Amino acid sequence: MNAAQNLTERIGPAHAPVLPEHDAIALWRTATVDDVDVIHGIHAAADAVDHPTWVTPREDIADTFELSHIDHTRDTIIGFTADGTAIVFSSAFLHPSRAGTLTVHIGGAVHPQWRRRGIGSAALGWSHARAREQLAEVAPTLDPGEWELEIKVYAEESTPDVIAIAEPLGFAIERWFTTMVRDMAEALPTPPAVDGATIVPYSPDRALDVLAARNDAFRDHWGSLPTSEESWRKFVDGEFLRPDLSRLALDADGAVIALCLASVNEADWEALGATHAYIDLIGVVRAHRRRGLAPAVIAASLEAIGQAGLQKAVLDVDTASPTGANTLYEGLGFSATERSLALVHRL
């Protein structure tokens, strides 16, 4: 049996998904670039209930319509009521990495006023079928070897309905994540000096160097795959990243060996009730771990956030991180607040 046949057997039935049927939905259709605001509207209504301390930026949705590995005309469906109101969407995006793991991320939302009627189950079922189809389409192109095949759904702890509709499809909870918040009114830690390392602000000319450091640092983190240059550019060249609040650690030769990247989305300030920066990424390349670089770049970034007059700093952490991140962040004054989870269907 060749590799493609083996993967095909593992994936199982992978026919093109059939649009769902539901009494409340007069029209199901796939998405086009003209649907950015439609999808964002559903997101906004769901965000206010599911995670009221932060919002989904319209820009993040628009970016997905420009990424080469996503085709919304095949990957996303939207459901409309008889009066033309969009109340549900669901997407399945195959990650572009081919580094031994194929991962499809399923995301979506049902407008809170239309929940617990089976609409979410119908939409998720479609995306799950689309995910299988995506895996089956790429399987013949893969080199022989051991491949992990996984479909993932992320959810807030406050939305147990997601668990209830995902588990019958073969999903199981594998990981928990915690949001942590630091009050910037508290005394800041003194950035520790690290022999042989220099802490500097992030600068756009180092974008690809930082990408390489990020991919090395996260190689052994759960669920992490190499970020493509295309996706990375959307992040670092986007409107939210704040180079002035972000910090890099450089070795004596100027190579990036650690990073702490922070962004600011002012639309989140009202939701959280405080001005704040969100720390998107913290990483240390594996050859330089256990030198104190993580607390050094974080402390330096926190110092910049404090000097910018922001009231809080926010980050998310894997509760089972191999680097002991929870303890590190607690030591830097962060406290746990909300939790989210990852459900995975492994094939």
C-alpha atoms as a PDB file:
ATOM      1  CA  MET A   1       0.000   0.000   0.000  1.00  0.00           C
ATOM      2  CA  ASN A   2       1.479   3.378  -0.975  1.00  0.00           C
ATOM      3  CA  ALA A   3       1.399   6.465   1.214  1.00  0.00           C
ATOM      4  CA  ALA A   4      -1.524   8.081  -0.633  1.00  0.00           C
ATOM      5  CA  GLN A   5      -3.654   4.933  -0.314  1.00  0.00           C
ATOM      6  CA  ASN A   6      -2.869   4.679   3.398  1.00  0.00           C
ATOM      7  CA  LEU A   7      -3.802   8.311   3.997  1.00  0.00           C
ATOM      8  CA  THR A   8      -6.964   7.939   1.942  1.00  0.00           C
ATOM      9  CA  GLU A   9      -8.052   5.009   4.097  1.00  0.00           C
ATOM     10  CA  ARG A  10      -7.381   6.984   7.253  1.00  0.00           C
ATOM     11  CA  ILE A  11      -9.322   9.975   5.978  1.00  0.00           C
ATOM     12  CA  GLY A  12     -12.290   7.812   5.055  1.00  0.00           C
ATOM     13  CA  PRO A  13     -15.284   9.073   3.026  1.00  0.00           C
ATOM     14  CA  ALA A  14     -14.336  12.431   1.588  1.00  0.00           C
ATOM     15  CA  HIS A  15     -16.985  13.431  -0.883  1.00  0.00           C
ATOM     16  CA  ALA A  16     -17.731  17.065  -1.671  1.00  0.00           C
ATOM     17  CA  PRO A  17     -19.895  18.337   1.197  1.00  0.00           C
ATOM     18  CA  VAL A  18     -23.575  18.801   0.499  1.00  0.00           C
ATOM     19  CA  LEU A  19     -25.122  22.058   1.671  1.00  0.00           C
ATOM     20  CA  PRO A  20     -27.048  21.469   4.908  1.00  0.00           C
ATOM     21  CA  GLU A  21     -30.788  21.608   5.350  1.00  0.00           C
ATOM     22  CA  HIS A  22     -32.463  23.343   8.271  1.00  0.00           C
ATOM     23  CA  ASP A  23     -35.956  24.750   8.682  1.00  0.00           C
ATOM     24  CA  ALA A  24     -34.644  28.118   9.917  1.00  0.00           C
ATOM     25  CA  ILE A  25     -32.287  28.594   6.970  1.00  0.00           C
ATOM     26  CA  ALA A  26     -33.823  29.656   3.679  1.00  0.00           C
ATOM     27  CA  LEU A  27     -30.483  29.819   1.872  1.00  0.00           C
ATOM     28  CA  TRP A  28     -27.082  28.229   2.385  1.00  0.00           C
ATOM     29  CA  ARG A  29     -24.313  29.340   0.080  1.00  0.00           C
ATOM     30  CA  THR A  30     -20.548  29.544  -0.028  1.00  0.00           C
ATOM     31  CA  ALA A  31     -18.804  32.842   0.631  1.00  0.00           C
ATOM     32  CA  THR A  32     -17.231  35.420  -1.671  1.00  0.00           C
ATOM     33  CA  VAL A  33     -15.026  38.424  -0.984  1.00  0.00           C
ATOM     34  CA  ASP A  34     -18.186  40.533  -0.792  1.00  0.00           C
ATOM     35  CA  ASP A  35     -19.118  38.696   2.409  1.00  0.00           C
ATOM     36  CA  VAL A  36     -16.427  40.132   4.696  1.00  0.00           C
ATOM     37  CA  ASP A  37     -18.930  42.375   6.473  1.00  0.00           C
ATOM     38  CA  VAL A  38     -21.553  39.628   6.550  1.00  0.00           C
ATOM     39  CA  ILE A  39     -19.169  37.271   8.350  1.00  0.00           C
ATOM     40  CA  HIS A  40     -17.913  40.048  10.611  1.00  0.00           C
ATOM     41  CA  GLY A  41     -21.483  40.875  11.619  1.00  0.00           C
ATOM     42  CA  ILE A  42     -22.095  37.306  12.799  1.00  0.00           C
ATOM     43  CA  HIS A  43     -18.753  37.352  14.584  1.00  0.00           C
ATOM     44  CA  ALA A  44     -19.580  40.606  16.364  1.00  0.00           C
ATOM     45  CA  ALA A  45     -22.910  39.308  17.669  1.00  0.00           C
ATOM     46  CA  ALA A  46     -21.298  36.071  18.860  1.00  0.00           C
ATOM     47  CA  ASP A  47     -18.250  37.802  20.374  1.00  0.00           C
ATOM     48  CA  ALA A  48     -20.423  39.914  22.648  1.00  0.00           C
ATOM     49  CA  VAL A  49     -21.732  36.738  24.280  1.00  0.00           C
ATOM     50  CA  ASP A  50     -18.923  34.212  23.930  1.00  0.00           C
ATOM     51  CA  HIS A  51     -15.914  36.339  24.886  1.00  0.00           C
ATOM     52  CA  PRO A  52     -17.068  39.849  25.771  1.00  0.00           C
ATOM     53  CA  THR A  53     -13.559  41.066  26.693  1.00  0.00           C
ATOM     54  CA  TRP A  54     -12.264  41.008  23.106  1.00  0.00           C
ATOM     55  CA  VAL A  55     -13.578  41.345  19.570  1.00  0.00           C
ATOM     56  CA  THR A  56     -12.709  39.830  16.200  1.00  0.00           C
ATOM     57  CA  PRO A  57     -11.230  42.533  13.951  1.00  0.00           C
ATOM     58  CA  ARG A  58     -12.798  42.945  10.535  1.00  0.00           C
ATOM     59  CA  GLU A  59      -9.259  43.119   9.185  1.00  0.00           C
ATOM     60  CA  ASP A  60      -8.551  39.555  10.318  1.00  0.00           C
ATOM     61  CA  ILE A  61     -11.518  38.294   8.318  1.00  0.00           C
ATOM     62  CA  ALA A  62     -10.571  40.343   5.263  1.00  0.00           C
ATOM     63  CA  ASP A  63      -7.034  38.953   5.387  1.00  0.00           C
ATOM     64  CA  THR A  64      -8.305  35.402   4.952  1.00  0.00           C
ATOM     65  CA  PHE A  65      -9.767  36.367   1.575  1.00  0.00           C
ATOM     66  CA  GLU A  66      -6.278  37.315   0.393  1.00  0.00           C
ATOM     67  CA  LEU A  67      -4.353  34.232   1.522  1.00  0.00           C
ATOM     68  CA  SER A  68      -3.479  31.846  -1.288  1.00  0.00           C
ATOM     69  CA  HIS A  69      -4.241  28.664   0.672  1.00  0.00           C
ATOM     70  CA  ILE A  70      -7.858  29.690   1.392  1.00  0.00           C
ATOM     71  CA  ASP A  71     -10.705  29.572  -1.124  1.00  0.00           C
ATOM     72  CA  HIS A  72     -13.850  30.793   0.596  1.00  0.00           C
ATOM     73  CA  THR A  73     -15.948  29.771  -2.396  1.00  0.00           C
ATOM     74  CA  ARG A  74     -15.185  26.192  -1.326  1.00  0.00           C
ATOM     75  CA  ASP A  75     -14.130  26.573   2.319  1.00  0.00           C
ATOM     76  CA  THR A  76     -16.882  28.707   3.907  1.00  0.00           C
ATOM     77  CA  ILE A  77     -20.678  28.544   4.020  1.00  0.00           C
ATOM     78  CA  ILE A  78     -23.151  31.154   5.248  1.00  0.00           C
ATOM     79  CA  GLY A  79     -26.763  30.570   6.249  1.00  0.00           C
ATOM     80  CA  PHE A  80     -29.498  33.180   5.709  1.00  0.00           C
ATOM     81  CA  THR A  81     -33.045  33.396   7.046  1.00  0.00           C
ATOM     82  CA  ALA A  82     -36.035  34.018   4.778  1.00  0.00           C
ATOM     83  CA  ASP A  83     -35.660  37.793   5.182  1.00  0.00           C
ATOM     84  CA  GLY A  84     -32.030  37.638   4.034  1.00  0.00           C
ATOM     85  CA  THR A  85     -30.398  37.954   7.477  1.00  0.00           C
ATOM     86  CA  ALA A  86     -27.098  36.069   7.831  1.00  0.00           C
ATOM     87  CA  ILE A  87     -27.137  34.141  11.120  1.00  0.00           C
ATOM     88  CA  VAL A  88     -24.454  31.469  10.777  1.00  0.00           C
ATOM     89  CA  PHE A  89     -21.167  30.801   9.024  1.00  0.00           C
ATOM     90  CA  SER A  90     -18.636  28.008   9.171  1.00  0.00           C
ATOM     91  CA  SER A  91     -15.191  27.607   7.584  1.00  0.00           C
ATOM     92  CA  ALA A  92     -12.597  24.879   7.134  1.00  0.00           C
ATOM     93  CA  PHE A  93      -9.053  26.069   6.352  1.00  0.00           C
ATOM     94  CA  LEU A  94      -6.243  23.626   5.550  1.00  0.00           C
ATOM     95  CA  HIS A  95      -2.960  24.953   6.948  1.00  0.00           C
ATOM     96  CA  PRO A  96      -0.378  25.404   4.159  1.00  0.00           C
ATOM     97  CA  SER A  97       2.433  23.659   6.054  1.00  0.00           C
ATOM     98  CA  ARG A  98       3.536  20.254   4.792  1.00  0.00           C
ATOM     99  CA  ALA A  99       5.920  19.516   7.652  1.00  0.00           C
ATOM    100  CA  GLY A 100       4.684  16.082   8.696  1.00  0.00           C
ATOM    101  CA  THR A 101       1.290  17.243   9.928  1.00  0.00           C
ATOM    102  CA  LEU A 102      -1.804  18.206   7.973  1.00  0.00           C
ATOM    103  CA  THR A 103      -4.114  20.408  10.012  1.00  0.00           C
ATOM    104  CA  VAL A 104      -7.515  21.779   9.108  1.00  0.00           C
ATOM    105  CA  HIS A 105      -8.892  24.506  11.368  1.00  0.00           C
ATOM    106  CA  ILE A 106     -12.665  24.802  11.581  1.00  0.00           C
ATOM    107  CA  GLY A 107     -14.150  28.067  12.753  1.00  0.00           C
ATOM    108  CA  GLY A 108     -17.549  29.666  12.733  1.00  0.00           C
ATOM    109  CA  ALA A 109     -20.387  31.118  14.758  1.00  0.00           C
ATOM    110  CA  VAL A 110     -24.143  31.137  15.132  1.00  0.00           C
ATOM    111  CA  HIS A 111     -25.902  34.382  16.021  1.00  0.00           C
ATOM    112  CA  PRO A 112     -26.821  34.054  19.730  1.00  0.00           C
ATOM    113  CA  GLN A 113     -30.529  34.599  19.032  1.00  0.00           C
ATOM    114  CA  TRP A 114     -30.590  31.499  16.824  1.00  0.00           C
ATOM    115  CA  ARG A 115     -28.705  29.017  18.976  1.00  0.00           C
ATOM    116  CA  ARG A 116     -29.789  25.616  20.301  1.00  0.00           C
ATOM    117  CA  ARG A 117     -31.872  24.847  17.232  1.00  0.00           C
ATOM    118  CA  GLY A 118     -29.421  22.537  15.474  1.00  0.00           C
ATOM    119  CA  ILE A 119     -28.073  25.247  13.157  1.00  0.00           C
ATOM    120  CA  GLY A 120     -24.558  24.979  14.549  1.00  0.00           C
ATOM    121  CA  SER A 121     -24.594  21.201  14.175  1.00  0.00           C
ATOM    122  CA  ALA A 122     -25.615  21.521  10.534  1.00  0.00           C
ATOM    123  CA  ALA A 123     -22.895  24.065   9.778  1.00  0.00           C
ATOM    124  CA  LEU A 124     -20.174  22.163  11.642  1.00  0.00           C
ATOM    125  CA  GLY A 125     -21.148  18.953   9.863  1.00  0.00           C
ATOM    126  CA  TRP A 126     -20.619  20.673   6.512  1.00  0.00           C
ATOM    127  CA  SER A 127     -17.209  22.039   7.536  1.00  0.00           C
ATOM    128  CA  HIS A 128     -16.145  18.659   8.908  1.00  0.00           C
ATOM    129  CA  ALA A 129     -16.974  17.080   5.545  1.00  0.00           C
ATOM    130  CA  ARG A 130     -15.103  19.875   3.750  1.00  0.00           C
ATOM    131  CA  ALA A 131     -12.088  19.269   6.016  1.00  0.00           C
ATOM    132  CA  ARG A 132     -12.013  15.593   5.031  1.00  0.00           C
ATOM    133  CA  GLU A 133     -12.265  16.594   1.392  1.00  0.00           C
ATOM    134  CA  GLN A 134      -9.318  18.983   1.769  1.00  0.00           C
ATOM    135  CA  LEU A 135      -7.190  16.269   3.369  1.00  0.00           C
ATOM    136  CA  ALA A 136      -8.125  13.786   0.644  1.00  0.00           C
ATOM    137  CA  GLU A 137      -7.269  16.284  -2.091  1.00  0.00           C
ATOM    138  CA  VAL A 138      -3.753  16.878  -0.793  1.00  0.00           C
ATOM    139  CA  ALA A 139      -2.933  13.288   0.245  1.00  0.00           C
ATOM    140  CA  PRO A 140      -1.756  12.165  -3.231  1.00  0.00           C
ATOM    141  CA  THR A 141       0.778  15.019  -3.344  1.00  0.00           C
ATOM    142  CA  LEU A 142       2.564  14.041  -0.133  1.00  0.00           C
ATOM    143  CA  ASP A 143       5.895  12.280   0.138  1.00  0.00           C
ATOM    144  CA  PRO A 144       5.892   8.824   1.768  1.00  0.00           C
ATOM    145  CA  GLY A 145       6.325   8.901   5.521  1.00  0.00           C
ATOM    146  CA  GLU A 146       4.484   9.221   8.792  1.00  0.00           C
ATOM    147  CA  TRP A 147       1.850  11.919   8.602  1.00  0.00           C
ATOM    148  CA  GLU A 148      -0.398  13.251  11.311  1.00  0.00           C
ATOM    149  CA  LEU A 149      -3.877  14.194  10.136  1.00  0.00           C
ATOM    150  CA  GLU A 150      -5.966  16.421  12.376  1.00  0.00           C
ATOM    151  CA  ILE A 151      -9.040  18.624  12.293  1.00  0.00           C
ATOM    152  CA  LYS A 152      -9.266  21.256  15.029  1.00  0.00           C
ATOM    153  CA  VAL A 153     -11.967  23.382  16.571  1.00  0.00           C
ATOM    154  CA  TYR A 154     -11.239  26.046  19.196  1.00  0.00           C
ATOM    155  CA  ALA A 155     -13.910  27.204  21.626  1.00  0.00           C
ATOM    156  CA  GLU A 156     -14.366  29.294  24.729  1.00  0.00           C
ATOM    157  CA  GLU A 157     -14.990  27.530  28.023  1.00  0.00           C
ATOM    158  CA  SER A 158     -18.198  29.575  28.189  1.00  0.00           C
ATOM    159  CA  THR A 159     -19.581  27.855  25.038  1.00  0.00           C
ATOM    160  CA  PRO A 160     -20.179  24.198  26.014  1.00  0.00           C
ATOM    161  CA  ASP A 161     -22.582  23.828  23.071  1.00  0.00           C
ATOM    162  CA  VAL A 162     -19.535  23.608  20.802  1.00  0.00           C
ATOM    163  CA  ILE A 163     -18.310  20.564  22.702  1.00  0.00           C
ATOM    164  CA  ALA A 164     -21.729  18.939  22.507  1.00  0.00           C
ATOM    165  CA  ILE A 165     -21.944  19.232  18.719  1.00  0.00           C
ATOM    166  CA  ALA A 166     -18.272  18.442  18.019  1.00  0.00           C
ATOM    167  CA  GLU A 167     -17.837  15.264  20.067  1.00  0.00           C
ATOM    168  CA  PRO A 168     -20.278  13.165  17.973  1.00  0.00           C
ATOM    169  CA  LEU A 169     -18.083  13.938  14.929  1.00  0.00           C
ATOM    170  CA  GLY A 170     -15.038  12.439  16.607  1.00  0.00           C
ATOM    171  CA  PHE A 171     -13.570  15.499  18.310  1.00  0.00           C
ATOM    172  CA  ALA A 172     -12.117  15.338  21.810  1.00  0.00           C
ATOM    173  CA  ILE A 173     -10.711  18.041  24.093  1.00  0.00           C
ATOM    174  CA  GLU A 174      -6.911  17.927  23.971  1.00  0.00           C
ATOM    175  CA  ARG A 175      -5.712  21.242  25.338  1.00  0.00           C
ATOM    176  CA  TRP A 176      -6.707  24.169  27.516  1.00  0.00           C
ATOM    177  CA  PHE A 177      -5.529  27.751  27.158  1.00  0.00           C
ATOM    178  CA  THR A 178      -5.709  30.541  29.708  1.00  0.00           C
ATOM    179  CA  THR A 179      -5.944  34.281  29.160  1.00  0.00           C
ATOM    180  CA  MET A 180      -3.709  36.183  31.576  1.00  0.00           C
ATOM    181  CA  VAL A 181      -3.872  39.886  32.369  1.00  0.00           C
ATOM    182  CA  ARG A 182      -1.354  42.185  34.028  1.00  0.00           C
ATOM    183  CA  ASP A 183      -2.265  45.465  35.680  1.00  0.00           C
ATOM    184  CA  MET A 184       0.355  47.935  34.479  1.00  0.00           C
ATOM    185  CA  ALA A 185      -0.166  50.035  37.601  1.00  0.00           C
ATOM    186  CA  GLU A 186       1.821  47.403  39.485  1.00  0.00           C
ATOM    187  CA  ALA A 187       5.579  47.821  39.705  1.00  0.00           C
ATOM    188  CA  LEU A 188       7.362  46.576  36.612  1.00  0.00           C
ATOM    189  CA  PRO A 189      10.042  43.913  36.831  1.00  0.00           C
ATOM    190  CA  THR A 190      13.557  45.073  36.079  1.00  0.00           C
ATOM    191  CA  PRO A 191      14.568  43.589  32.729  1.00  0.00           C
ATOM    192  CA  PRO A 192      17.315  41.124  33.572  1.00  0.00           C
ATOM    193  CA  ALA A 193      20.573  41.414  31.674  1.00  0.00           C
ATOM    194  CA  VAL A 194      21.589  38.327  29.730  1.00  0.00           C
ATOM    195  CA  ASP A 195      25.246  37.875  28.915  1.00  0.00           C
ATOM    196  CA  GLY A 196      25.875  37.933  25.189  1.00  0.00           C
ATOM    197  CA  ALA A 197      22.404  39.250  24.312  1.00  0.00           C
ATOM    198  CA  THR A 198      21.126  42.700  23.413  1.00  0.00           C
ATOM    199  CA  ILE A 199      17.455  43.694  23.709  1.00  0.00           C
ATOM    200  CA  VAL A 200      16.182  45.942  20.903  1.00  0.00           C
ATOM    201  CA  PRO A 201      12.772  47.053  19.556  1.00  0.00           C
ATOM    202  CA  TYR A 202      11.287  45.086  16.682  1.00  0.00           C
ATOM    203  CA  SER A 203      11.954  46.668  13.297  1.00  0.00           C
ATOM    204  CA  PRO A 204      10.253  45.774   9.994  1.00  0.00           C
ATOM    205  CA  ASP A 205      13.568  45.093   8.263  1.00  0.00           C
ATOM    206  CA  ARG A 206      14.022  42.081  10.578  1.00  0.00           C
ATOM    207  CA  ALA A 207      10.632  40.571   9.702  1.00  0.00           C
ATOM    208  CA  LEU A 208      11.953  37.413   8.034  1.00  0.00           C
ATOM    209  CA  ASP A 209      14.655  36.926  10.675  1.00  0.00           C
ATOM    210  CA  VAL A 210      11.965  37.073  13.348  1.00  0.00           C
ATOM    211  CA  LEU A 211       9.815  34.622  11.356  1.00  0.00           C
ATOM    212  CA  ALA A 212      12.698  32.138  11.288  1.00  0.00           C
ATOM    213  CA  ALA A 213      13.180  32.577  15.030  1.00  0.00           C
ATOM    214  CA  ARG A 214       9.451  32.154  15.635  1.00  0.00           C
ATOM    215  CA  ASN A 215       9.305  28.921  13.641  1.00  0.00           C
ATOM    216  CA  ASP A 216      12.316  27.502  15.455  1.00  0.00           C
ATOM    217  CA  ALA A 217      11.032  28.522  18.883  1.00  0.00           C
ATOM    218  CA  PHE A 218       7.632  26.906  18.373  1.00  0.00           C
ATOM    219  CA  ARG A 219       8.757  23.626  16.797  1.00  0.00           C
ATOM    220  CA  ASP A 220       7.984  21.656  19.967  1.00  0.00           C
ATOM    221  CA  HIS A 221       4.867  23.579  21.027  1.00  0.00           C
ATOM    222  CA  TRP A 222       1.562  21.752  20.892  1.00  0.00           C
ATOM    223  CA  GLY A 223      -0.383  22.402  17.714  1.00  0.00           C
ATOM    224  CA  SER A 224       2.199  24.752  16.238  1.00  0.00           C
ATOM    225  CA  LEU A 225       3.103  24.534  12.552  1.00  0.00           C
ATOM    226  CA  PRO A 226       5.579  26.674  10.618  1.00  0.00           C
ATOM    227  CA  THR A 227       4.091  30.033   9.701  1.00  0.00           C
ATOM    228  CA  SER A 228       4.359  30.878   6.003  1.00  0.00           C
ATOM    229  CA  GLU A 229       5.878  34.140   4.845  1.00  0.00           C
ATOM    230  CA  GLU A 230       2.534  35.108   3.303  1.00  0.00           C
ATOM    231  CA  SER A 231       0.647  34.721   6.590  1.00  0.00           C
ATOM    232  CA  TRP A 232       3.484  36.300   8.560  1.00  0.00           C
ATOM    233  CA  ARG A 233       3.394  39.408   6.405  1.00  0.00           C
ATOM    234  CA  LYS A 234      -0.311  39.800   7.113  1.00  0.00           C
ATOM    235  CA  PHE A 235       0.551  39.881  10.816  1.00  0.00           C
ATOM    236  CA  VAL A 236       3.743  41.945  10.996  1.00  0.00           C
ATOM    237  CA  ASP A 237       2.778  44.399   8.250  1.00  0.00           C
ATOM    238  CA  GLY A 238      -0.793  44.759   9.511  1.00  0.00           C
ATOM    239  CA  GLU A 239      -2.198  47.725  11.368  1.00  0.00           C
ATOM    240  CA  PHE A 240      -2.205  46.172  14.847  1.00  0.00           C
ATOM    241  CA  LEU A 241       1.406  45.139  15.486  1.00  0.00           C
ATOM    242  CA  ARG A 242       3.250  47.740  17.559  1.00  0.00           C
ATOM    243  CA  PRO A 243       7.002  47.630  16.860  1.00  0.00           C
ATOM    244  CA  ASP A 244       7.553  50.207  19.600  1.00  0.00           C
ATOM    245  CA  LEU A 245       6.068  47.820  22.179  1.00  0.00           C
ATOM    246  CA  SER A 246       7.730  44.683  20.782  1.00  0.00           C
ATOM    247  CA  ARG A 247      11.198  43.485  21.684  1.00  0.00           C
ATOM    248  CA  LEU A 248      13.853  41.187  20.214  1.00  0.00           C
ATOM    249  CA  ALA A 249      16.931  39.627  21.758  1.00  0.00           C
ATOM    250  CA  LEU A 250      19.973  39.514  19.491  1.00  0.00           C
ATOM    251  CA  ASP A 251      23.156  37.514  19.981  1.00  0.00           C
ATOM    252  CA  ALA A 252      26.642  38.930  19.507  1.00  0.00           C
ATOM    253  CA  ASP A 253      26.379  38.355  15.745  1.00  0.00           C
ATOM    254  CA  GLY A 254      23.027  40.145  15.493  1.00  0.00           C
ATOM    255  CA  ALA A 255      20.918  37.002  15.031  1.00  0.00           C
ATOM    256  CA  VAL A 256      17.402  37.022  16.529  1.00  0.00           C
ATOM    257  CA  ILE A 257      17.347  34.564  19.428  1.00  0.00           C
ATOM    258  CA  ALA A 258      14.190  35.634  21.283  1.00  0.00           C
ATOM    259  CA  LEU A 259      11.099  37.700  20.588  1.00  0.00           C
ATOM    260  CA  CYS A 260       8.119  39.313  22.288  1.00  0.00           C
ATOM    261  CA  LEU A 261       5.670  40.829  19.823  1.00  0.00           C
ATOM    262  CA  ALA A 262       2.790  43.009  21.000  1.00  0.00           C
ATOM    263  CA  SER A 263      -0.167  44.534  19.214  1.00  0.00           C
ATOM    264  CA  VAL A 264      -2.870  47.071  20.011  1.00  0.00           C
ATOM    265  CA  ASN A 265      -6.464  46.921  18.784  1.00  0.00           C
ATOM    266  CA  GLU A 266      -8.275  49.884  20.243  1.00  0.00           C
ATOM    267  CA  ALA A 267     -11.629  48.241  19.490  1.00  0.00           C
ATOM    268  CA  ASP A 268     -10.795  45.832  22.326  1.00  0.00           C
ATOM    269  CA  TRP A 269     -10.371  48.580  24.882  1.00  0.00           C
ATOM    270  CA  GLU A 270     -14.052  49.141  25.500  1.00  0.00           C
ATOM    271  CA  ALA A 271     -14.671  45.385  25.653  1.00  0.00           C
ATOM    272  CA  LEU A 272     -12.011  44.832  28.331  1.00  0.00           C
ATOM    273  CA  GLY A 273     -12.730  48.109  30.072  1.00  0.00           C
ATOM    274  CA  ALA A 274      -9.108  49.224  29.938  1.00  0.00           C
ATOM    275  CA  THR A 275      -6.537  50.399  27.444  1.00  0.00           C
ATOM    276  CA  HIS A 276      -4.154  47.533  26.815  1.00  0.00           C
ATOM    277  CA  ALA A 277      -1.675  45.765  24.576  1.00  0.00           C
ATOM    278  CA  TYR A 278      -1.984  42.130  23.593  1.00  0.00           C
ATOM    279  CA  ILE A 279       1.214  40.087  23.557  1.00  0.00           C
ATOM    280  CA  ASP A 280       0.804  37.863  20.510  1.00  0.00           C
ATOM    281  CA  LEU A 281       4.026  35.882  20.523  1.00  0.00           C
ATOM    282  CA  ILE A 282       6.783  35.073  22.977  1.00  0.00           C
ATOM    283  CA  GLY A 283       9.520  32.711  21.860  1.00  0.00           C
ATOM    284  CA  VAL A 284      13.131  31.722  22.369  1.00  0.00           C
ATOM    285  CA  VAL A 285      15.004  29.751  19.717  1.00  0.00           C
ATOM    286  CA  ARG A 286      15.703  26.294  21.058  1.00  0.00           C
ATOM    287  CA  ALA A 287      19.501  26.569  21.078  1.00  0.00           C
ATOM    288  CA  HIS A 288      19.275  29.546  23.458  1.00  0.00           C
ATOM    289  CA  ARG A 289      16.725  28.383  26.008  1.00  0.00           C
ATOM    290  CA  ARG A 290      17.342  28.494  29.759  1.00  0.00           C
ATOM    291  CA  ARG A 291      19.430  31.650  29.530  1.00  0.00           C
ATOM    292  CA  GLY A 292      16.743  33.963  30.911  1.00  0.00           C
ATOM    293  CA  LEU A 293      15.892  35.403  27.501  1.00  0.00           C
ATOM    294  CA  ALA A 294      12.113  35.003  27.817  1.00  0.00           C
ATOM    295  CA  PRO A 295      11.766  37.096  30.986  1.00  0.00           C
ATOM    296  CA  ALA A 296      14.216  39.597  29.529  1.00  0.00           C
ATOM    297  CA  VAL A 297      12.254  40.292  26.338  1.00  0.00           C
ATOM    298  CA  ILE A 298       8.891  40.187  28.134  1.00  0.00           C
ATOM    299  CA  ALA A 299      10.046  42.591  30.843  1.00  0.00           C
ATOM    300  CA  ALA A 300      11.435  44.943  28.206  1.00  0.00           C
ATOM    301  CA  SER A 301       8.156  44.837  26.284  1.00  0.00           C
ATOM    302  CA  LEU A 302       6.168  45.439  29.476  1.00  0.00           C
ATOM    303  CA  GLU A 303       8.357  48.429  30.225  1.00  0.00           C
ATOM    304  CA  ALA A 304       7.478  49.863  26.799  1.00  0.00           C
ATOM    305  CA  ILE A 305       3.764  49.133  27.317  1.00  0.00           C
ATOM    306  CA  GLY A 306       3.880  50.930  30.653  1.00  0.00           C
ATOM    307  CA  GLN A 307       5.710  53.904  29.194  1.00  0.00           C
ATOM    308  CA  ALA A 308       3.050  54.110  26.468  1.00  0.00           C
ATOM    309  CA  GLY A 309       0.484  54.730  29.222  1.00  0.00           C
ATOM    310  CA  LEU A 310      -1.532  51.558  28.610  1.00  0.00           C
ATOM    311  CA  GLN A 311      -3.366  50.182  31.619  1.00  0.00           C
ATOM    312  CA  LYS A 312      -3.010  46.440  31.086  1.00  0.00           C
ATOM    313  CA  ALA A 313      -1.097  43.768  29.201  1.00  0.00           C
ATOM    314  CA  VAL A 314      -2.871  40.617  28.005  1.00  0.00           C
ATOM    315  CA  LEU A 315      -1.647  37.282  26.680  1.00  0.00           C
ATOM    316  CA  ASP A 316      -2.816  33.702  26.199  1.00  0.00           C
ATOM    317  CA  VAL A 317      -0.900  30.635  27.323  1.00  0.00           C
ATOM    318  CA  ASP A 318      -1.082  26.896  26.783  1.00  0.00           C
ATOM    319  CA  THR A 319      -1.690  25.474  30.267  1.00  0.00           C
ATOM    320  CA  ALA A 320       0.597  22.538  29.490  1.00  0.00           C
ATOM    321  CA  SER A 321       3.356  24.499  27.749  1.00  0.00           C
ATOM    322  CA  PRO A 322       6.688  22.610  27.707  1.00  0.00           C
ATOM    323  CA  THR A 323       8.497  25.810  28.673  1.00  0.00           C
ATOM    324  CA  GLY A 324       6.609  26.337  31.943  1.00  0.00           C
ATOM    325  CA  ALA A 325       5.161  29.574  30.611  1.00  0.00           C
ATOM    326  CA  ASN A 326       2.380  29.798  33.214  1.00  0.00           C
ATOM    327  CA  THR A 327       4.853  30.076  36.066  1.00  0.00           C
ATOM    328  CA  LEU A 328       6.967  32.564  34.148  1.00  0.00           C
ATOM    329  CA  TYR A 329       4.018  34.866  33.455  1.00  0.00           C
ATOM    330  CA  GLU A 330       2.733  34.666  37.011  1.00  0.00           C
ATOM    331  CA  GLY A 331       6.167  35.725  38.181  1.00  0.00           C
ATOM    332  CA  LEU A 332       5.925  38.740  35.905  1.00  0.00           C
ATOM    333  CA  GLY A 333       2.616  39.814  37.468  1.00  0.00           C
ATOM    334  CA  PHE A 334       0.059  38.208  35.148  1.00  0.00           C
ATOM    335  CA  SER A 335      -3.110  36.632  36.572  1.00  0.00           C
ATOM    336  CA  ALA A 336      -5.331  34.042  34.886  1.00  0.00           C
ATOM    337  CA  THR A 337      -8.822  35.054  33.779  1.00  0.00           C
ATOM    338  CA  GLU A 338     -10.781  33.247  31.035  1.00  0.00           C
ATOM    339  CA  ARG A 339     -10.109  29.835  29.511  1.00  0.00           C
ATOM    340  CA  SER A 340     -10.517  28.343  26.047  1.00  0.00           C
ATOM    341  CA  LEU A 341     -10.013  24.847  24.711  1.00  0.00           C
ATOM    342  CA  ALA A 342      -8.986  22.937  21.614  1.00  0.00           C
ATOM    343  CA  LEU A 343     -10.979  19.991  20.324  1.00  0.00           C
ATOM    344  CA  VAL A 344      -9.178  17.704  17.893  1.00  0.00           C
ATOM    345  CA  HIS A 345     -10.329  14.939  15.578  1.00  0.00           C
ATOM    346  CA  ARG A 346      -7.304  12.802  14.740  1.00  0.00           C
ATOM    347  CA  LEU A 347      -7.560  10.576  11.702  1.00  0.00           C
END
